Amino acid sequence: VEIGLGNTDNRFPTGNNELLLRGAIGWNKDEHSLDKKGASKADVTNLLESAGFSKSNPYYIVPQGRITALTNAKDHERLALLKEVAGTKVYEQRRTESLRIMSETEAKRSRISELLDYIDTHLTELEEEKEELKEFEEKDKDRRCLEYALCQRELEEVAAALEEIEEERRGEVHGANVRREQFADREQRIQVRSSPT
């Protein structure tokens, strides 16, 4: 089905003097187009509602007795009817929905801002901890170097002391050997003197 709607009053925001609306019903899905360009059903519905043709507006055909009912209606009922016919009811519903979405978006933005502040604070703390860790690692490296140097020095001192003790032991062994030889020599001389010749 294809319908051509006049748009000389620019009721439809398409920029053309005529709007071609086409709908095809298929087995799997329905197809819609606006001015021979593919469009979704929601796009078609939104365009019609923006021009005042609402699905929820039952006032395109006026049934018998409706005019009498309108003349007898109270002011607030007529105002509500005018809003509904003019499409302002749909506008107000959409405005309320938009305000709700904006409020939710603002709450989310505020929450994201709080999270970003928390992340920034946490990053600052992590940077400080990183610097402290770097300083600790440098001092720990210095400590290990000093411990190594101290151990090396102690090993050298112990090795020197052992060498000194070994030298003393060698000297004492040599002295003992010399004394033993002297003792043996004296003992032999004594035996030579005491033997009868």
N, C-alpha and C. Protein backbone atom coordinates (compact mmCIF):
# COMPACT_ATOMS: atom_id res chain seq x y z
N VAL A 1 0.86 -1.18 0.00
CA VAL A 1 0.00 0.00 0.00
C VAL A 1 0.90 1.23 0.00
N GLU A 2 0.58 2.18 -0.88
CA GLU A 2 1.35 3.42 -0.91
C GLU A 2 0.38 4.58 -0.85
N ILE A 3 0.68 5.54 0.02
CA ILE A 3 -0.18 6.72 0.21
C ILE A 3 0.67 7.96 -0.01
N GLY A 4 0.15 8.90 -0.78
CA GLY A 4 0.81 10.18 -0.98
C GLY A 4 0.10 11.24 -0.16
N LEU A 5 0.81 11.90 0.73
CA LEU A 5 0.22 12.93 1.59
C LEU A 5 0.79 14.29 1.22
N GLY A 6 -0.10 15.28 1.05
CA GLY A 6 0.35 16.63 0.75
C GLY A 6 1.09 17.23 1.94
N ASN A 7 2.17 17.95 1.63
CA ASN A 7 2.98 18.53 2.71
C ASN A 7 3.36 19.97 2.39
N THR A 8 2.42 20.69 1.75
CA THR A 8 2.72 22.08 1.39
C THR A 8 2.82 22.97 2.62
N ASP A 9 2.16 22.57 3.71
CA ASP A 9 2.23 23.36 4.94
C ASP A 9 3.40 22.92 5.83
N ASN A 10 4.24 22.02 5.32
CA ASN A 10 5.41 21.50 6.05
C ASN A 10 5.03 20.90 7.41
N ARG A 11 3.92 20.22 7.42
CA ARG A 11 3.48 19.56 8.65
C ARG A 11 4.40 18.38 8.98
N PHE A 12 4.89 17.74 7.92
CA PHE A 12 5.88 16.66 8.09
C PHE A 12 7.27 17.27 7.87
N PRO A 13 8.20 17.08 8.78
CA PRO A 13 9.52 17.71 8.64
C PRO A 13 10.43 16.95 7.67
N THR A 14 9.99 16.90 6.39
CA THR A 14 10.80 16.18 5.39
C THR A 14 11.45 17.12 4.39
N GLY A 15 10.91 18.35 4.27
CA GLY A 15 11.46 19.30 3.31
C GLY A 15 10.86 19.15 1.92
N ASN A 16 9.94 18.20 1.70
CA ASN A 16 9.29 18.00 0.40
C ASN A 16 7.83 18.45 0.48
N ASN A 17 7.23 18.73 -0.72
CA ASN A 17 5.83 19.14 -0.77
C ASN A 17 4.88 17.95 -0.67
N GLU A 18 5.41 16.75 -0.84
CA GLU A 18 4.58 15.55 -0.75
C GLU A 18 5.37 14.47 -0.02
N LEU A 19 4.64 13.70 0.78
CA LEU A 19 5.25 12.59 1.52
C LEU A 19 4.66 11.29 1.00
N LEU A 20 5.54 10.40 0.52
CA LEU A 20 5.10 9.08 0.07
C LEU A 20 5.34 8.09 1.19
N LEU A 21 4.25 7.51 1.65
CA LEU A 21 4.31 6.54 2.74
C LEU A 21 3.92 5.19 2.16
N ARG A 22 4.81 4.19 2.32
CA ARG A 22 4.56 2.88 1.74
C ARG A 22 4.72 1.81 2.80
N GLY A 23 3.82 0.82 2.77
CA GLY A 23 3.90 -0.30 3.70
C GLY A 23 3.62 -1.60 2.96
N ALA A 24 4.45 -2.60 3.21
CA ALA A 24 4.26 -3.91 2.57
C ALA A 24 4.25 -4.96 3.66
N ILE A 25 3.23 -5.82 3.63
CA ILE A 25 3.12 -6.88 4.63
C ILE A 25 3.72 -8.15 4.05
N GLY A 26 4.69 -8.71 4.74
CA GLY A 26 5.36 -9.92 4.27
C GLY A 26 5.16 -11.08 5.23
N TRP A 27 5.63 -12.26 4.81
CA TRP A 27 5.49 -13.45 5.66
C TRP A 27 6.35 -13.34 6.91
N ASN A 28 7.59 -12.91 6.72
CA ASN A 28 8.51 -12.86 7.86
C ASN A 28 8.48 -11.51 8.58
N LYS A 29 8.46 -10.43 7.80
CA LYS A 29 8.42 -9.11 8.44
C LYS A 29 7.81 -8.10 7.50
N ASP A 30 7.25 -7.04 8.10
CA ASP A 30 6.66 -5.97 7.32
C ASP A 30 7.75 -4.97 6.94
N GLU A 31 7.55 -4.32 5.77
CA GLU A 31 8.51 -3.32 5.31
C GLU A 31 7.80 -1.98 5.20
N HIS A 32 8.52 -0.91 5.57
CA HIS A 32 7.97 0.44 5.51
C HIS A 32 8.99 1.34 4.82
N SER A 33 8.47 2.38 4.13
CA SER A 33 9.39 3.35 3.53
C SER A 33 8.75 4.73 3.57
N LEU A 34 9.61 5.73 3.69
CA LEU A 34 9.20 7.14 3.65
C LEU A 34 9.94 7.78 2.49
N ASP A 35 9.20 8.34 1.53
CA ASP A 35 9.80 8.94 0.33
C ASP A 35 10.77 7.97 -0.34
N LYS A 36 10.34 6.71 -0.47
CA LYS A 36 11.07 5.64 -1.16
C LYS A 36 12.40 5.29 -0.49
N LYS A 37 12.51 5.61 0.79
CA LYS A 37 13.69 5.23 1.58
C LYS A 37 13.23 4.33 2.70
N GLY A 38 13.96 3.24 2.94
CA GLY A 38 13.59 2.29 3.98
C GLY A 38 13.49 2.96 5.35
N ALA A 39 12.48 2.56 6.11
CA ALA A 39 12.29 3.14 7.45
C ALA A 39 11.67 2.07 8.35
N SER A 40 11.89 2.23 9.63
CA SER A 40 11.28 1.29 10.58
C SER A 40 9.85 1.73 10.89
N LYS A 41 9.10 0.81 11.45
CA LYS A 41 7.72 1.13 11.83
C LYS A 41 7.70 2.26 12.86
N ALA A 42 8.69 2.25 13.76
CA ALA A 42 8.77 3.30 14.78
C ALA A 42 9.02 4.66 14.13
N ASP A 43 9.87 4.71 13.07
CA ASP A 43 10.13 5.97 12.37
C ASP A 43 8.84 6.52 11.74
N VAL A 44 8.07 5.62 11.11
CA VAL A 44 6.81 6.04 10.48
C VAL A 44 5.84 6.56 11.54
N THR A 45 5.72 5.81 12.63
CA THR A 45 4.81 6.21 13.72
C THR A 45 5.21 7.57 14.29
N ASN A 46 6.51 7.76 14.54
CA ASN A 46 7.00 9.03 15.10
C ASN A 46 6.73 10.20 14.16
N LEU A 47 6.93 9.98 12.85
CA LEU A 47 6.69 11.05 11.88
C LEU A 47 5.21 11.42 11.85
N LEU A 48 4.33 10.42 11.86
CA LEU A 48 2.89 10.69 11.86
C LEU A 48 2.46 11.40 13.15
N GLU A 49 3.01 10.97 14.28
CA GLU A 49 2.66 11.61 15.55
C GLU A 49 3.15 13.05 15.60
N SER A 50 4.33 13.31 15.00
CA SER A 50 4.84 14.69 15.00
C SER A 50 3.95 15.62 14.18
N ALA A 51 3.20 15.03 13.22
CA ALA A 51 2.27 15.84 12.41
C ALA A 51 0.88 15.88 13.02
N GLY A 52 0.68 15.19 14.16
CA GLY A 52 -0.61 15.23 14.83
C GLY A 52 -1.46 13.99 14.62
N PHE A 53 -0.96 13.00 13.89
CA PHE A 53 -1.70 11.75 13.68
C PHE A 53 -1.22 10.72 14.68
N SER A 54 -1.93 10.60 15.76
CA SER A 54 -1.50 9.69 16.83
C SER A 54 -2.36 8.43 16.83
N LYS A 55 -1.72 7.29 17.14
CA LYS A 55 -2.48 6.04 17.26
C LYS A 55 -3.47 6.13 18.40
N SER A 56 -3.11 6.89 19.41
CA SER A 56 -3.98 6.97 20.59
C SER A 56 -5.07 8.03 20.43
N ASN A 57 -5.13 8.68 19.26
CA ASN A 57 -6.11 9.75 19.03
C ASN A 57 -7.29 9.21 18.22
N PRO A 58 -8.42 8.96 18.87
CA PRO A 58 -9.57 8.38 18.17
C PRO A 58 -10.52 9.43 17.59
N TYR A 59 -10.04 10.64 17.34
CA TYR A 59 -10.96 11.73 16.98
C TYR A 59 -10.92 12.11 15.50
N TYR A 60 -10.43 11.26 14.63
CA TYR A 60 -10.44 11.57 13.20
C TYR A 60 -11.84 11.35 12.62
N ILE A 61 -12.58 10.45 13.24
CA ILE A 61 -13.97 10.21 12.84
C ILE A 61 -14.83 10.56 14.05
N VAL A 62 -15.80 11.43 13.84
CA VAL A 62 -16.65 11.87 14.96
C VAL A 62 -17.95 11.06 14.90
N PRO A 63 -18.16 10.19 15.89
CA PRO A 63 -19.40 9.39 15.88
C PRO A 63 -20.62 10.24 16.25
N GLN A 64 -21.79 9.71 15.93
CA GLN A 64 -23.05 10.40 16.20
C GLN A 64 -23.21 10.63 17.71
N GLY A 65 -23.61 11.81 18.05
CA GLY A 65 -23.84 12.14 19.45
C GLY A 65 -22.60 12.70 20.15
N ARG A 66 -21.48 12.62 19.48
CA ARG A 66 -20.23 13.08 20.10
C ARG A 66 -20.22 14.61 20.22
N ILE A 67 -20.75 15.30 19.21
CA ILE A 67 -20.75 16.77 19.22
C ILE A 67 -21.63 17.27 20.36
N THR A 68 -22.78 16.64 20.57
CA THR A 68 -23.66 17.02 21.68
C THR A 68 -22.95 16.80 23.00
N ALA A 69 -22.23 15.68 23.10
CA ALA A 69 -21.49 15.39 24.34
C ALA A 69 -20.41 16.45 24.57
N LEU A 70 -19.80 16.92 23.48
CA LEU A 70 -18.75 17.94 23.61
C LEU A 70 -19.33 19.27 24.07
N THR A 71 -20.52 19.61 23.56
CA THR A 71 -21.12 20.89 23.96
C THR A 71 -21.56 20.86 25.41
N ASN A 72 -21.89 19.69 25.92
CA ASN A 72 -22.32 19.57 27.32
C ASN A 72 -21.15 19.29 28.27
N ALA A 73 -19.94 19.10 27.72
CA ALA A 73 -18.78 18.76 28.56
C ALA A 73 -18.34 19.96 29.38
N LYS A 74 -17.70 19.68 30.48
CA LYS A 74 -17.17 20.74 31.35
C LYS A 74 -15.89 21.30 30.73
N ASP A 75 -15.47 22.46 31.22
CA ASP A 75 -14.29 23.14 30.65
C ASP A 75 -13.04 22.26 30.72
N HIS A 76 -12.79 21.65 31.86
CA HIS A 76 -11.56 20.86 31.99
C HIS A 76 -11.61 19.62 31.09
N GLU A 77 -12.84 19.09 30.82
CA GLU A 77 -12.97 17.95 29.91
C GLU A 77 -12.67 18.37 28.49
N ARG A 78 -13.21 19.58 28.10
CA ARG A 78 -12.94 20.08 26.74
C ARG A 78 -11.45 20.38 26.57
N LEU A 79 -10.84 20.95 27.62
CA LEU A 79 -9.39 21.23 27.55
C LEU A 79 -8.60 19.93 27.38
N ALA A 80 -8.97 18.91 28.13
CA ALA A 80 -8.28 17.62 28.00
C ALA A 80 -8.47 17.05 26.61
N LEU A 81 -9.69 17.20 26.05
CA LEU A 81 -9.98 16.72 24.70
C LEU A 81 -9.16 17.48 23.66
N LEU A 82 -9.10 18.83 23.81
CA LEU A 82 -8.31 19.64 22.88
C LEU A 82 -6.83 19.24 22.92
N LYS A 83 -6.32 19.00 24.13
CA LYS A 83 -4.92 18.58 24.26
C LYS A 83 -4.70 17.24 23.56
N GLU A 84 -5.67 16.35 23.70
CA GLU A 84 -5.54 15.04 23.10
C GLU A 84 -5.60 15.14 21.58
N VAL A 85 -6.56 15.95 21.06
CA VAL A 85 -6.72 16.11 19.62
C VAL A 85 -5.51 16.80 19.02
N ALA A 86 -5.00 17.82 19.69
CA ALA A 86 -3.86 18.58 19.17
C ALA A 86 -2.55 17.82 19.29
N GLY A 87 -2.55 16.75 20.04
CA GLY A 87 -1.32 15.97 20.20
C GLY A 87 -0.47 16.43 21.36
N THR A 88 -0.95 17.42 22.13
CA THR A 88 -0.14 17.89 23.26
C THR A 88 -0.08 16.86 24.37
N LYS A 89 -1.08 15.98 24.44
CA LYS A 89 -1.04 14.92 25.45
C LYS A 89 0.16 14.01 25.19
N VAL A 90 0.32 13.66 23.89
CA VAL A 90 1.47 12.83 23.52
C VAL A 90 2.76 13.58 23.81
N TYR A 91 2.75 14.91 23.47
CA TYR A 91 3.93 15.73 23.74
C TYR A 91 4.26 15.74 25.23
N GLU A 92 3.22 15.95 26.05
CA GLU A 92 3.45 16.00 27.50
C GLU A 92 3.94 14.66 28.04
N GLN A 93 3.39 13.55 27.49
CA GLN A 93 3.88 12.23 27.91
C GLN A 93 5.35 12.06 27.53
N ARG A 94 5.66 12.45 26.30
CA ARG A 94 7.07 12.33 25.86
C ARG A 94 7.97 13.27 26.64
N ARG A 95 7.45 14.47 26.94
CA ARG A 95 8.25 15.43 27.72
C ARG A 95 8.53 14.86 29.11
N THR A 96 7.49 14.29 29.74
CA THR A 96 7.67 13.68 31.07
C THR A 96 8.70 12.56 31.00
N GLU A 97 8.57 11.72 29.95
CA GLU A 97 9.53 10.62 29.77
C GLU A 97 10.94 11.16 29.54
N SER A 98 11.04 12.23 28.72
CA SER A 98 12.35 12.83 28.46
C SER A 98 12.95 13.41 29.73
N LEU A 99 12.12 14.08 30.53
CA LEU A 99 12.61 14.64 31.80
C LEU A 99 13.07 13.53 32.74
N ARG A 100 12.32 12.41 32.75
CA ARG A 100 12.73 11.27 33.59
C ARG A 100 14.07 10.72 33.12
N ILE A 101 14.20 10.57 31.79
CA ILE A 101 15.46 10.06 31.24
C ILE A 101 16.60 11.02 31.55
N MET A 102 16.33 12.34 31.42
CA MET A 102 17.36 13.33 31.73
C MET A 102 17.76 13.26 33.20
N SER A 103 16.77 13.07 34.07
CA SER A 103 17.06 12.96 35.50
C SER A 103 17.91 11.72 35.78
N GLU A 104 17.53 10.59 35.15
CA GLU A 104 18.33 9.36 35.31
C GLU A 104 19.74 9.56 34.78
N THR A 105 19.83 10.23 33.62
CA THR A 105 21.15 10.49 33.02
C THR A 105 22.00 11.36 33.93
N GLU A 106 21.37 12.38 34.52
CA GLU A 106 22.10 13.26 35.44
C GLU A 106 22.58 12.49 36.67
N ALA A 107 21.71 11.59 37.17
CA ALA A 107 22.10 10.77 38.32
C ALA A 107 23.28 9.86 37.95
N LYS A 108 23.21 9.28 36.74
CA LYS A 108 24.31 8.42 36.28
C LYS A 108 25.59 9.24 36.10
N ARG A 109 25.43 10.46 35.52
CA ARG A 109 26.60 11.32 35.32
C ARG A 109 27.23 11.67 36.65
N SER A 110 26.37 11.98 37.63
CA SER A 110 26.87 12.30 38.97
C SER A 110 27.60 11.10 39.57
N ARG A 111 27.03 9.92 39.40
CA ARG A 111 27.66 8.69 39.92
C ARG A 111 29.00 8.45 39.22
N ILE A 112 29.03 8.66 37.90
CA ILE A 112 30.28 8.49 37.15
C ILE A 112 31.31 9.50 37.62
N SER A 113 30.87 10.74 37.88
CA SER A 113 31.78 11.77 38.38
C SER A 113 32.36 11.37 39.73
N GLU A 114 31.50 10.81 40.61
CA GLU A 114 31.99 10.34 41.91
C GLU A 114 33.00 9.21 41.74
N LEU A 115 32.68 8.29 40.82
CA LEU A 115 33.60 7.17 40.56
C LEU A 115 34.94 7.67 40.02
N LEU A 116 34.88 8.67 39.13
CA LEU A 116 36.12 9.23 38.58
C LEU A 116 36.94 9.91 39.67
N ASP A 117 36.26 10.63 40.57
CA ASP A 117 36.97 11.25 41.70
C ASP A 117 37.62 10.18 42.57
N TYR A 118 36.87 9.10 42.83
CA TYR A 118 37.42 7.99 43.64
C TYR A 118 38.64 7.38 42.94
N ILE A 119 38.51 7.17 41.61
CA ILE A 119 39.62 6.58 40.86
C ILE A 119 40.83 7.50 40.89
N ASP A 120 40.59 8.83 40.72
CA ASP A 120 41.70 9.79 40.77
C ASP A 120 42.40 9.74 42.13
N THR A 121 41.60 9.70 43.21
CA THR A 121 42.18 9.62 44.56
C THR A 121 42.97 8.33 44.71
N HIS A 122 42.38 7.24 44.24
CA HIS A 122 43.05 5.93 44.35
C HIS A 122 44.34 5.91 43.52
N LEU A 123 44.30 6.53 42.33
CA LEU A 123 45.50 6.59 41.50
C LEU A 123 46.60 7.40 42.19
N THR A 124 46.21 8.51 42.84
CA THR A 124 47.19 9.31 43.57
C THR A 124 47.82 8.49 44.68
N GLU A 125 46.98 7.74 45.42
CA GLU A 125 47.50 6.88 46.49
C GLU A 125 48.44 5.82 45.92
N LEU A 126 48.05 5.24 44.78
CA LEU A 126 48.89 4.22 44.15
C LEU A 126 50.23 4.80 43.69
N GLU A 127 50.18 6.04 43.17
CA GLU A 127 51.42 6.70 42.75
C GLU A 127 52.34 6.91 43.96
N GLU A 128 51.74 7.35 45.09
CA GLU A 128 52.54 7.54 46.30
C GLU A 128 53.12 6.21 46.78
N GLU A 129 52.29 5.16 46.74
CA GLU A 129 52.79 3.83 47.15
C GLU A 129 53.89 3.35 46.21
N LYS A 130 53.74 3.67 44.91
CA LYS A 130 54.75 3.28 43.93
C LYS A 130 56.08 3.97 44.25
N GLU A 131 56.01 5.27 44.58
CA GLU A 131 57.22 6.00 44.93
C GLU A 131 57.84 5.43 46.21
N GLU A 132 56.99 5.12 47.20
CA GLU A 132 57.50 4.53 48.45
C GLU A 132 58.15 3.18 48.18
N LEU A 133 57.54 2.39 47.32
CA LEU A 133 58.09 1.08 46.98
C LEU A 133 59.43 1.23 46.26
N LYS A 134 59.50 2.20 45.35
CA LYS A 134 60.75 2.45 44.62
C LYS A 134 61.85 2.86 45.60
N GLU A 135 61.50 3.76 46.54
CA GLU A 135 62.47 4.20 47.54
C GLU A 135 62.89 3.02 48.43
N PHE A 136 61.91 2.19 48.82
CA PHE A 136 62.22 1.01 49.64
C PHE A 136 63.16 0.07 48.91
N GLU A 137 62.87 -0.17 47.61
CA GLU A 137 63.72 -1.08 46.84
C GLU A 137 65.15 -0.55 46.73
N GLU A 138 65.29 0.79 46.54
CA GLU A 138 66.62 1.38 46.47
C GLU A 138 67.35 1.21 47.80
N LYS A 139 66.66 1.49 48.91
CA LYS A 139 67.29 1.36 50.22
C LYS A 139 67.58 -0.10 50.55
N ASP A 140 66.69 -1.00 50.11
CA ASP A 140 66.92 -2.43 50.34
C ASP A 140 68.14 -2.89 49.55
N LYS A 141 68.30 -2.36 48.34
CA LYS A 141 69.48 -2.69 47.53
C LYS A 141 70.75 -2.20 48.22
N ASP A 142 70.70 -0.95 48.74
CA ASP A 142 71.85 -0.41 49.48
C ASP A 142 72.16 -1.27 50.70
N ARG A 143 71.10 -1.69 51.42
CA ARG A 143 71.29 -2.53 52.62
C ARG A 143 71.96 -3.85 52.25
N ARG A 144 71.48 -4.47 51.15
CA ARG A 144 72.08 -5.74 50.75
C ARG A 144 73.54 -5.56 50.34
N CYS A 145 73.84 -4.44 49.66
CA CYS A 145 75.24 -4.16 49.28
C CYS A 145 76.11 -4.00 50.52
N LEU A 146 75.58 -3.23 51.50
CA LEU A 146 76.34 -3.03 52.74
C LEU A 146 76.53 -4.35 53.50
N GLU A 147 75.47 -5.17 53.55
CA GLU A 147 75.58 -6.47 54.22
C GLU A 147 76.63 -7.34 53.53
N TYR A 148 76.62 -7.30 52.19
CA TYR A 148 77.60 -8.09 51.44
C TYR A 148 79.02 -7.60 51.73
N ALA A 149 79.18 -6.25 51.71
CA ALA A 149 80.51 -5.69 51.98
C ALA A 149 80.96 -6.03 53.39
N LEU A 150 80.04 -5.96 54.37
CA LEU A 150 80.36 -6.30 55.75
C LEU A 150 80.75 -7.77 55.88
N CYS A 151 79.97 -8.65 55.24
CA CYS A 151 80.29 -10.09 55.28
C CYS A 151 81.65 -10.35 54.64
N GLN A 152 81.90 -9.68 53.51
CA GLN A 152 83.18 -9.86 52.81
C GLN A 152 84.33 -9.41 53.71
N ARG A 153 84.14 -8.27 54.37
CA ARG A 153 85.18 -7.76 55.26
C ARG A 153 85.41 -8.72 56.43
N GLU A 154 84.31 -9.22 57.03
CA GLU A 154 84.44 -10.17 58.13
C GLU A 154 85.15 -11.44 57.67
N LEU A 155 84.80 -11.92 56.46
CA LEU A 155 85.48 -13.12 55.92
C LEU A 155 86.97 -12.87 55.76
N GLU A 156 87.32 -11.68 55.24
CA GLU A 156 88.73 -11.36 55.06
C GLU A 156 89.45 -11.29 56.41
N GLU A 157 88.77 -10.68 57.42
CA GLU A 157 89.38 -10.59 58.75
C GLU A 157 89.55 -11.98 59.36
N VAL A 158 88.53 -12.84 59.21
CA VAL A 158 88.62 -14.21 59.74
C VAL A 158 89.72 -14.97 59.01
N ALA A 159 89.81 -14.81 57.68
CA ALA A 159 90.86 -15.50 56.91
C ALA A 159 92.24 -15.02 57.36
N ALA A 160 92.38 -13.70 57.61
CA ALA A 160 93.67 -13.17 58.07
C ALA A 160 94.01 -13.71 59.45
N ALA A 161 93.00 -13.78 60.34
CA ALA A 161 93.23 -14.32 61.69
C ALA A 161 93.62 -15.79 61.62
N LEU A 162 92.94 -16.54 60.76
CA LEU A 162 93.28 -17.97 60.59
C LEU A 162 94.71 -18.12 60.05
N GLU A 163 95.06 -17.27 59.11
CA GLU A 163 96.43 -17.33 58.55
C GLU A 163 97.45 -17.02 59.63
N GLU A 164 97.11 -16.03 60.47
CA GLU A 164 98.02 -15.66 61.57
C GLU A 164 98.15 -16.82 62.56
N ILE A 165 97.02 -17.44 62.90
CA ILE A 165 97.06 -18.60 63.82
C ILE A 165 97.85 -19.74 63.20
N GLU A 166 97.64 -19.95 61.88
CA GLU A 166 98.39 -21.02 61.19
C GLU A 166 99.88 -20.74 61.22
N GLU A 167 100.24 -19.47 61.02
CA GLU A 167 101.67 -19.10 61.07
C GLU A 167 102.23 -19.37 62.46
N GLU A 168 101.43 -18.96 63.50
CA GLU A 168 101.88 -19.22 64.88
C GLU A 168 102.03 -20.71 65.12
N ARG A 169 101.07 -21.51 64.63
CA ARG A 169 101.13 -22.97 64.82
C ARG A 169 102.36 -23.54 64.13
N ARG A 170 102.61 -23.07 62.91
CA ARG A 170 103.80 -23.56 62.19
C ARG A 170 105.07 -23.20 62.96
N GLY A 171 105.06 -21.94 63.49
CA GLY A 171 106.23 -21.52 64.27
C GLY A 171 106.41 -22.38 65.52
N GLU A 172 105.31 -22.66 66.19
CA GLU A 172 105.39 -23.50 67.40
C GLU A 172 105.81 -24.92 67.05
N VAL A 173 105.28 -25.46 65.94
CA VAL A 173 105.68 -26.82 65.51
C VAL A 173 107.17 -26.83 65.18
N HIS A 174 107.61 -25.78 64.48
CA HIS A 174 109.03 -25.70 64.13
C HIS A 174 109.88 -25.61 65.40
N GLY A 175 109.39 -24.74 66.36
CA GLY A 175 110.11 -24.60 67.64
C GLY A 175 110.13 -25.92 68.39
N ALA A 176 109.01 -26.65 68.38
CA ALA A 176 108.96 -27.95 69.06
C ALA A 176 109.91 -28.93 68.40
N ASN A 177 109.98 -28.92 67.09
CA ASN A 177 110.90 -29.82 66.36
C ASN A 177 112.35 -29.49 66.71
N VAL A 178 112.62 -28.18 66.75
CA VAL A 178 113.99 -27.76 67.10
C VAL A 178 114.33 -28.21 68.51
N ARG A 179 113.40 -27.99 69.46
CA ARG A 179 113.65 -28.41 70.84
C ARG A 179 113.81 -29.93 70.94
N ARG A 180 112.97 -30.66 70.15
CA ARG A 180 113.09 -32.12 70.18
C ARG A 180 114.46 -32.55 69.68
N GLU A 181 114.92 -31.90 68.61
CA GLU A 181 116.25 -32.24 68.08
C GLU A 181 117.33 -31.90 69.10
N GLN A 182 117.17 -30.71 69.75
CA GLN A 182 118.15 -30.33 70.78
C GLN A 182 118.13 -31.33 71.93
N PHE A 183 116.88 -31.72 72.32
CA PHE A 183 116.76 -32.69 73.41
C PHE A 183 117.41 -34.02 73.01
N ALA A 184 117.15 -34.47 71.81
CA ALA A 184 117.74 -35.74 71.35
C ALA A 184 119.25 -35.61 71.29
N ASP A 185 119.72 -34.47 70.84
CA ASP A 185 121.17 -34.25 70.74
C ASP A 185 121.80 -34.27 72.13
N ARG A 186 121.19 -33.60 73.10
CA ARG A 186 121.71 -33.60 74.47
C ARG A 186 121.65 -34.99 75.07
N GLU A 187 120.51 -35.65 74.80
CA GLU A 187 120.40 -37.01 75.35
C GLU A 187 121.51 -37.90 74.80
N GLN A 188 121.82 -37.74 73.56
CA GLN A 188 122.87 -38.55 72.95
C GLN A 188 124.23 -38.18 73.55
N ARG A 189 124.45 -36.89 73.79
CA ARG A 189 125.72 -36.47 74.37
C ARG A 189 125.85 -37.02 75.78
N ILE A 190 124.72 -37.00 76.51
CA ILE A 190 124.76 -37.52 77.87
C ILE A 190 125.07 -39.01 77.82
N GLN A 191 124.52 -39.72 76.94
CA GLN A 191 124.77 -41.16 76.84
C GLN A 191 126.23 -41.42 76.47
N VAL A 192 126.77 -40.57 75.64
CA VAL A 192 128.16 -40.73 75.22
C VAL A 192 129.07 -40.48 76.42
N ARG A 193 128.79 -39.50 77.23
CA ARG A 193 129.62 -39.18 78.38
C ARG A 193 129.50 -40.26 79.44
N SER A 194 128.33 -40.76 79.65
CA SER A 194 128.15 -41.72 80.73
C SER A 194 128.59 -43.13 80.33
N SER A 195 128.84 -43.41 79.13
CA SER A 195 129.25 -44.77 78.78
C SER A 195 130.74 -44.94 79.08
N PRO A 196 131.15 -46.09 79.67
CA PRO A 196 132.56 -46.34 80.00
C PRO A 196 133.34 -46.60 78.72
N THR A 197 134.38 -45.95 78.65
CA THR A 197 135.21 -46.14 77.50
C THR A 197 136.40 -47.00 77.79
